[in-house]
Amino acid sequence: MDVTREDVLRCARLADLRLEEAEIEPMRRAMEELLTHAQSLDALDLAGVEPTTHALPMTLPRREDAVVASFTQAQALANAPDAAEGLFRVPKAL
C-alpha cells in the first residue's frame, strides 16, 4: 500500500506529533510496511472461524449480584482528613 509524505504529515498532525525532517521518510516506510502487512491478511480464508477475544479459551469468574450492607456516610467520612457537608474535601486541582 502506498503511503505518501503527505499521509505521514497528516497522521502526525492528527496525533499531535512534531516530526523532524529526518524522521518523515523512515516513518513513511514503516507505515507502508505495516499497512501492506495488514492488507495481506485480507487474503486469508477465515470462513467458519469464530471471532475471539482471547488467544486462549477462558471463562470469567462470576458471582451473584446481591445487595449487601455498606458503609454509612458517617463511617465513610470518619477517617477523612477534611470533610464538609457530608462530602470529602480535597485541594483544587487545576
C-alpha atoms as a PDB file:
ATOM      1  CA  MET A   1       0.000   0.000   0.000  1.00  0.00           C
ATOM      2  CA  ASP A   2       1.440   3.356  -0.999  1.00  0.00           C
ATOM      3  CA  VAL A   3       1.946   5.900   1.771  1.00  0.00           C
ATOM      4  CA  THR A   4       2.928   9.400   0.763  1.00  0.00           C
ATOM      5  CA  ARG A   5       4.808  12.070   2.651  1.00  0.00           C
ATOM      6  CA  GLU A   6       1.526  13.971   2.944  1.00  0.00           C
ATOM      7  CA  ASP A   7      -0.104  10.904   4.581  1.00  0.00           C
ATOM      8  CA  VAL A   8       2.645  10.843   7.190  1.00  0.00           C
ATOM      9  CA  LEU A   9       2.358  14.557   7.875  1.00  0.00           C
ATOM     10  CA  ARG A  10      -1.444  14.326   8.142  1.00  0.00           C
ATOM     11  CA  CYS A  11      -1.235  11.389  10.596  1.00  0.00           C
ATOM     12  CA  ALA A  12       1.399  13.240  12.611  1.00  0.00           C
ATOM     13  CA  ARG A  13      -0.812  16.320  12.748  1.00  0.00           C
ATOM     14  CA  LEU A  14      -3.839  14.246  13.826  1.00  0.00           C
ATOM     15  CA  ALA A  15      -1.742  12.575  16.550  1.00  0.00           C
ATOM     16  CA  ASP A  16      -0.311  15.953  17.586  1.00  0.00           C
ATOM     17  CA  LEU A  17       3.236  14.781  16.800  1.00  0.00           C
ATOM     18  CA  ARG A  18       6.020  17.005  15.596  1.00  0.00           C
ATOM     19  CA  LEU A  19       8.283  15.114  13.223  1.00  0.00           C
ATOM     20  CA  GLU A  20      11.742  16.295  12.268  1.00  0.00           C
ATOM     21  CA  GLU A  21      12.510  16.279   8.548  1.00  0.00           C
ATOM     22  CA  ALA A  22      14.815  13.258   9.002  1.00  0.00           C
ATOM     23  CA  GLU A  23      12.002  11.274  10.674  1.00  0.00           C
ATOM     24  CA  ILE A  24       9.447  11.585   7.879  1.00  0.00           C
ATOM     25  CA  GLU A  25      10.908   9.093   5.373  1.00  0.00           C
ATOM     26  CA  PRO A  26      11.581   6.293   7.931  1.00  0.00           C
ATOM     27  CA  MET A  27       8.055   6.817   9.271  1.00  0.00           C
ATOM     28  CA  ARG A  28       6.640   6.643   5.740  1.00  0.00           C
ATOM     29  CA  ARG A  29       8.422   3.341   5.097  1.00  0.00           C
ATOM     30  CA  ALA A  30       7.292   1.907   8.447  1.00  0.00           C
ATOM     31  CA  MET A  31       3.669   2.915   7.835  1.00  0.00           C
ATOM     32  CA  GLU A  32       3.790   1.471   4.337  1.00  0.00           C
ATOM     33  CA  GLU A  33       5.210  -1.828   5.628  1.00  0.00           C
ATOM     34  CA  LEU A  34       2.609  -2.058   8.374  1.00  0.00           C
ATOM     35  CA  LEU A  35      -0.311  -1.318   6.054  1.00  0.00           C
ATOM     36  CA  THR A  36       0.992  -3.739   3.416  1.00  0.00           C
ATOM     37  CA  HIS A  37       1.146  -6.496   6.035  1.00  0.00           C
ATOM     38  CA  ALA A  38      -2.362  -5.659   7.264  1.00  0.00           C
ATOM     39  CA  GLN A  39      -3.615  -5.714   3.677  1.00  0.00           C
ATOM     40  CA  SER A  40      -2.060  -9.162   3.137  1.00  0.00           C
ATOM     41  CA  LEU A  41      -4.287 -10.511   5.922  1.00  0.00           C
ATOM     42  CA  ASP A  42      -7.296  -9.959   3.637  1.00  0.00           C
ATOM     43  CA  ALA A  43      -6.094 -12.956   1.573  1.00  0.00           C
ATOM     44  CA  LEU A  44      -6.672 -15.366   4.473  1.00  0.00           C
ATOM     45  CA  ASP A  45      -9.693 -17.657   4.249  1.00  0.00           C
ATOM     46  CA  LEU A  46     -11.468 -17.129   7.538  1.00  0.00           C
ATOM     47  CA  ALA A  47     -14.775 -18.728   6.621  1.00  0.00           C
ATOM     48  CA  GLY A  48     -16.065 -20.678   9.593  1.00  0.00           C
ATOM     49  CA  VAL A  49     -13.579 -19.144  12.033  1.00  0.00           C
ATOM     50  CA  GLU A  50     -15.364 -17.637  15.005  1.00  0.00           C
ATOM     51  CA  PRO A  51     -14.167 -14.275  16.335  1.00  0.00           C
ATOM     52  CA  THR A  52     -12.239 -14.470  19.594  1.00  0.00           C
ATOM     53  CA  THR A  53     -11.497 -12.037  22.371  1.00  0.00           C
ATOM     54  CA  HIS A  54      -8.598 -14.029  23.831  1.00  0.00           C
ATOM     55  CA  ALA A  55      -5.907 -16.254  22.387  1.00  0.00           C
ATOM     56  CA  LEU A  56      -6.664 -18.946  24.968  1.00  0.00           C
ATOM     57  CA  PRO A  57     -10.096 -20.228  25.921  1.00  0.00           C
ATOM     58  CA  MET A  58     -11.139 -18.799  29.267  1.00  0.00           C
ATOM     59  CA  THR A  59     -14.200 -18.243  31.352  1.00  0.00           C
ATOM     60  CA  LEU A  60     -14.561 -15.225  33.552  1.00  0.00           C
ATOM     61  CA  PRO A  61     -15.274 -15.794  37.217  1.00  0.00           C
ATOM     62  CA  ARG A  62     -18.829 -14.870  38.083  1.00  0.00           C
ATOM     63  CA  ARG A  63     -20.522 -14.060  41.347  1.00  0.00           C
ATOM     64  CA  GLU A  64     -24.117 -13.492  42.156  1.00  0.00           C
ATOM     65  CA  ASP A  65     -25.187  -9.867  42.039  1.00  0.00           C
ATOM     66  CA  ALA A  66     -26.524  -9.348  45.535  1.00  0.00           C
ATOM     67  CA  VAL A  67     -27.252  -6.293  47.648  1.00  0.00           C
ATOM     68  CA  VAL A  68     -25.047  -6.266  50.759  1.00  0.00           C
ATOM     69  CA  ALA A  69     -24.584  -3.892  53.649  1.00  0.00           C
ATOM     70  CA  SER A  70     -22.233  -0.989  53.018  1.00  0.00           C
ATOM     71  CA  PHE A  71     -20.660   1.877  54.938  1.00  0.00           C
ATOM     72  CA  THR A  72     -22.861   4.651  56.202  1.00  0.00           C
ATOM     73  CA  GLN A  73     -21.943   8.160  55.164  1.00  0.00           C
ATOM     74  CA  ALA A  74     -20.565   8.851  58.651  1.00  0.00           C
ATOM     75  CA  GLN A  75     -18.403   5.691  58.567  1.00  0.00           C
ATOM     76  CA  ALA A  76     -17.047   6.575  55.137  1.00  0.00           C
ATOM     77  CA  LEU A  77     -16.085  10.082  56.275  1.00  0.00           C
ATOM     78  CA  ALA A  78     -14.753   9.005  59.696  1.00  0.00           C
ATOM     79  CA  ASN A  79     -11.069   8.929  58.628  1.00  0.00           C
ATOM     80  CA  ALA A  80     -11.255  11.730  56.081  1.00  0.00           C
ATOM     81  CA  PRO A  81      -8.662  14.437  56.735  1.00  0.00           C
ATOM     82  CA  ASP A  82     -11.213  17.079  55.736  1.00  0.00           C
ATOM     83  CA  ALA A  83     -14.968  16.747  55.215  1.00  0.00           C
ATOM     84  CA  ALA A  84     -17.728  19.298  54.768  1.00  0.00           C
ATOM     85  CA  GLU A  85     -21.466  18.918  54.308  1.00  0.00           C
ATOM     86  CA  GLY A  86     -21.171  15.142  54.131  1.00  0.00           C
ATOM     87  CA  LEU A  87     -18.542  15.220  51.362  1.00  0.00           C
ATOM     88  CA  PHE A  88     -14.796  14.675  51.144  1.00  0.00           C
ATOM     89  CA  ARG A  89     -12.943  17.983  50.778  1.00  0.00           C
ATOM     90  CA  VAL A  90      -9.822  17.922  48.635  1.00  0.00           C
ATOM     91  CA  PRO A  91      -7.485  20.655  47.336  1.00  0.00           C
ATOM     92  CA  LYS A  92      -8.352  22.205  43.998  1.00  0.00           C
ATOM     93  CA  ALA A  93      -6.670  20.548  41.045  1.00  0.00           C
ATOM     94  CA  LEU A  94      -6.206  22.943  38.161  1.00  0.00           C
END
